[in-house]
Amino acid sequence: MFILISFPTDLFAQSSKDKDNYTYQVREEKGDLNNDRKMDKITVKMDTVDKTRPLRLQIFLSQPNGKLNLDVSSTKIIEPQYPAEKQGEFNGYQIPDFFIEKGILQMWSEIKSGNITYDFKYNDGNFELINVKKLTNNATKGYTDENTIFTETEFNLVTGIRTETDEISGSDKALKVRKKRVLIRPLPKIQDFKFSDKELY
């Protein structure tokens, strides 16, 4: 007797979609992130199946039993290597570097004509963005000097003070310093942070 058994086609599609394809590890850093004097860990892994090559940041915090527990997982914080909007072209930037220094998780990324560093601090169960430092060069800033103009931006999100300093390459003297107060409350959390947020700072 022949029995035809049918399965919903979307069941297999869902199963395939849910499969973890973030298998290629490109970054790993260890250090104490929550001041418990135990080693925590962060990893960045790439999905090698998706043609955009998305990346996932995961933060693992140490537990009293010595094991590591997944605390944060985000696929929004790092731009895919081949964004869909670029129709298969490389985004032009290397994969961000991560560092753990004095309990601060630092993310260093390349941006157009420079780089940007984000500092995240563990507070009350969340990793909050507390400081942003950006360095860019722009020779069309309005100055007549032929040397490259560098602009260093430091944004302390805790105090709300944002400082921009223009300098000429090779000079110790600032051309111009601009300060303003910008309060962002609540402080951005790392799980909500998107790579496109760099435009905000």
Protein backbone atom coordinates (compact mmCIF):
# COMPACT_ATOMS: atom_id res chain seq x y z
CA MET A 1 0.00 0.00 0.00
CA PHE A 2 1.43 3.36 -1.04
CA ILE A 3 0.97 6.21 1.42
CA LEU A 4 1.77 9.77 0.43
CA ILE A 5 3.05 11.84 3.32
CA SER A 6 3.29 15.57 2.79
CA PHE A 7 5.22 18.07 4.89
CA PRO A 8 4.79 21.84 4.95
CA THR A 9 7.48 23.25 2.67
CA ASP A 10 8.12 26.18 4.98
CA LEU A 11 9.17 23.74 7.72
CA PHE A 12 12.35 22.89 5.87
CA ALA A 13 12.94 26.52 4.94
CA GLN A 14 12.65 27.53 8.57
CA SER A 15 15.01 24.75 9.65
CA SER A 16 17.62 25.88 7.13
CA LYS A 17 17.19 29.52 8.12
CA ASP A 18 17.66 28.74 11.81
CA LYS A 19 20.89 26.80 11.22
CA ASP A 20 23.93 28.51 12.69
CA ASN A 21 26.28 29.26 9.80
CA TYR A 22 28.54 31.59 11.80
CA THR A 23 31.33 29.04 11.83
CA TYR A 24 34.48 30.92 10.80
CA GLN A 25 36.09 32.73 13.75
CA VAL A 26 37.96 35.92 12.86
CA ARG A 27 38.40 37.56 16.28
CA GLU A 28 38.78 36.43 19.88
CA GLU A 29 39.73 38.45 22.94
CA LYS A 30 39.83 37.53 26.62
CA GLY A 31 39.78 39.72 29.71
CA ASP A 32 37.73 40.73 32.75
CA LEU A 33 34.67 42.68 31.60
CA ASN A 34 32.46 42.61 34.70
CA ASN A 35 35.07 43.12 37.45
CA ASP A 36 34.73 39.65 38.97
CA ARG A 37 38.44 38.88 38.41
CA LYS A 38 37.57 36.05 36.04
CA MET A 39 38.35 35.82 32.34
CA ASP A 40 35.48 36.71 30.02
CA LYS A 41 35.62 36.26 26.26
CA ILE A 42 34.42 37.92 23.07
CA THR A 43 34.33 36.32 19.63
CA VAL A 44 33.57 37.53 16.13
CA LYS A 45 32.48 34.89 13.65
CA MET A 46 31.56 35.06 9.98
CA ASP A 47 28.67 33.38 8.19
CA THR A 48 30.42 31.75 5.24
CA VAL A 49 27.18 30.57 3.63
CA ASP A 50 25.46 33.94 3.26
CA LYS A 51 26.98 35.71 0.24
CA THR A 52 27.05 39.06 2.08
CA ARG A 53 29.41 37.49 4.65
CA PRO A 54 27.72 38.90 7.78
CA LEU A 55 29.56 38.90 11.11
CA ARG A 56 28.36 38.15 14.61
CA LEU A 57 29.78 39.51 17.85
CA GLN A 58 29.24 37.41 20.97
CA ILE A 59 30.20 38.23 24.55
CA PHE A 60 30.62 35.44 27.09
CA LEU A 61 30.78 36.24 30.80
CA SER A 62 32.37 33.99 33.39
CA GLN A 63 30.17 32.30 35.97
CA PRO A 64 30.89 31.27 39.59
CA ASN A 65 31.25 27.66 38.42
CA GLY A 66 34.03 28.69 36.02
CA LYS A 67 31.97 28.26 32.87
CA LEU A 68 31.29 30.97 30.28
CA ASN A 69 27.72 32.07 29.65
CA LEU A 70 26.56 33.87 26.49
CA ASP A 71 25.50 37.38 27.52
CA VAL A 72 25.29 39.32 24.22
CA SER A 73 24.93 38.24 20.61
CA SER A 74 24.66 40.80 17.82
CA THR A 75 24.79 40.69 14.03
CA LYS A 76 24.05 44.43 13.70
CA ILE A 77 27.21 45.96 15.16
CA ILE A 78 29.56 44.96 12.31
CA GLU A 79 28.87 45.69 8.65
CA PRO A 80 28.78 42.61 6.36
CA GLN A 81 31.87 42.26 4.18
CA TYR A 82 29.76 42.38 1.00
CA PRO A 83 26.65 44.45 1.84
CA ALA A 84 23.53 43.76 -0.23
CA GLU A 85 23.25 47.43 -1.15
CA LYS A 86 26.68 47.27 -2.80
CA GLN A 87 25.53 44.47 -5.14
CA GLY A 88 28.27 42.06 -4.15
CA GLU A 89 31.12 44.55 -3.83
CA PHE A 90 33.49 44.56 -0.86
CA ASN A 91 32.63 47.24 1.72
CA GLY A 92 36.23 48.50 1.66
CA TYR A 93 36.96 48.11 5.38
CA GLN A 94 38.74 45.48 7.41
CA ILE A 95 36.87 43.60 10.12
CA PRO A 96 36.91 45.64 13.37
CA ASP A 97 39.39 44.83 16.12
CA PHE A 98 38.32 44.33 19.73
CA PHE A 99 40.31 44.92 22.90
CA ILE A 100 39.63 44.54 26.61
CA GLU A 101 41.45 47.12 28.74
CA LYS A 102 40.71 47.88 32.41
CA GLY A 103 37.24 46.40 32.14
CA ILE A 104 36.38 48.37 28.98
CA LEU A 105 35.46 46.63 25.73
CA GLN A 106 36.92 48.63 22.85
CA MET A 107 35.88 48.27 19.23
CA TRP A 108 38.21 49.85 16.64
CA SER A 109 36.80 50.27 13.13
CA GLU A 110 37.90 51.81 9.88
CA ILE A 111 35.68 54.54 8.46
CA LYS A 112 35.96 56.78 5.43
CA SER A 113 39.23 58.76 5.69
CA GLY A 114 39.98 57.55 9.19
CA ASN A 115 38.99 55.34 12.09
CA ILE A 116 36.67 55.28 15.08
CA THR A 117 36.92 53.62 18.52
CA TYR A 118 33.91 52.80 20.70
CA ASP A 119 34.24 52.11 24.44
CA PHE A 120 31.61 49.91 26.09
CA LYS A 121 31.40 49.41 29.85
CA TYR A 122 29.46 46.75 31.72
CA ASN A 123 26.89 48.38 33.99
CA ASP A 124 23.83 46.93 35.68
CA GLY A 125 23.65 43.93 33.34
CA ASN A 126 24.32 45.83 30.10
CA PHE A 127 27.28 46.94 28.03
CA GLU A 128 26.76 50.69 27.58
CA LEU A 129 28.53 52.99 25.14
CA ILE A 130 30.46 55.51 27.26
CA ASN A 131 32.99 57.06 24.88
CA VAL A 132 33.64 57.51 21.15
CA LYS A 133 36.92 58.66 19.64
CA LYS A 134 37.14 59.40 15.94
CA LEU A 135 40.07 60.48 13.77
CA THR A 136 39.53 61.68 10.20
CA ASN A 137 41.52 63.63 7.66
CA ASN A 138 40.00 66.16 5.33
CA ALA A 139 42.06 68.54 3.21
CA THR A 140 38.96 70.56 2.21
CA LYS A 141 38.18 71.94 5.66
CA GLY A 142 38.53 75.53 4.49
CA TYR A 143 42.18 76.06 5.43
CA THR A 144 44.70 77.16 2.83
CA ASP A 145 47.64 75.10 4.12
CA GLU A 146 48.57 72.32 1.74
CA ASN A 147 49.26 69.86 4.55
CA THR A 148 46.65 67.33 5.57
CA ILE A 149 44.10 68.45 8.12
CA PHE A 150 43.26 65.93 10.84
CA THR A 151 40.12 66.20 12.93
CA GLU A 152 40.02 64.36 16.22
CA THR A 153 36.60 63.98 17.80
CA GLU A 154 36.16 62.80 21.38
CA PHE A 155 32.64 62.26 22.65
CA ASN A 156 32.24 61.40 26.33
CA LEU A 157 28.68 60.11 26.49
CA VAL A 158 28.70 60.04 30.30
CA THR A 159 29.31 63.79 30.62
CA GLY A 160 27.80 64.67 27.23
CA ILE A 161 30.86 66.71 26.20
CA ARG A 162 31.80 66.39 22.51
CA THR A 163 35.10 67.97 21.44
CA GLU A 164 36.39 68.40 17.88
CA THR A 165 40.01 69.41 17.34
CA ASP A 166 41.50 70.34 13.95
CA GLU A 167 45.25 69.97 13.51
CA ILE A 168 47.71 70.16 10.62
CA SER A 169 49.86 67.11 10.03
CA GLY A 170 53.21 67.54 11.80
CA SER A 171 52.06 70.41 14.01
CA ASP A 172 51.49 70.30 17.78
CA LYS A 173 49.25 73.36 17.72
CA ALA A 174 45.51 73.03 17.22
CA LEU A 175 43.96 75.09 14.43
CA LYS A 176 40.52 75.09 15.95
CA VAL A 177 38.72 73.47 18.88
CA ARG A 178 34.95 73.12 19.00
CA LYS A 179 33.02 71.94 22.06
CA LYS A 180 29.37 71.27 22.63
CA ARG A 181 27.19 69.29 25.02
CA VAL A 182 25.05 66.49 23.65
CA LEU A 183 23.20 64.36 26.19
CA ILE A 184 22.13 60.89 25.09
CA ARG A 185 19.96 59.11 27.62
CA PRO A 186 19.75 56.26 28.20
CA LEU A 187 23.26 55.36 27.09
CA PRO A 188 23.23 53.15 23.97
CA LYS A 189 23.45 49.42 24.71
CA ILE A 190 25.75 47.21 22.67
CA GLN A 191 22.94 44.83 21.65
CA ASP A 192 21.05 47.75 20.09
CA PHE A 193 24.08 49.33 18.43
CA LYS A 194 24.25 49.23 14.62
CA PHE A 195 27.33 49.75 12.43
CA SER A 196 25.50 52.64 10.70
CA ASP A 197 25.33 54.48 14.05
CA LYS A 198 28.84 55.77 13.36
CA GLU A 199 27.15 58.63 11.53
CA LEU A 200 25.68 59.80 14.85
CA TYR A 201 29.04 60.49 16.44
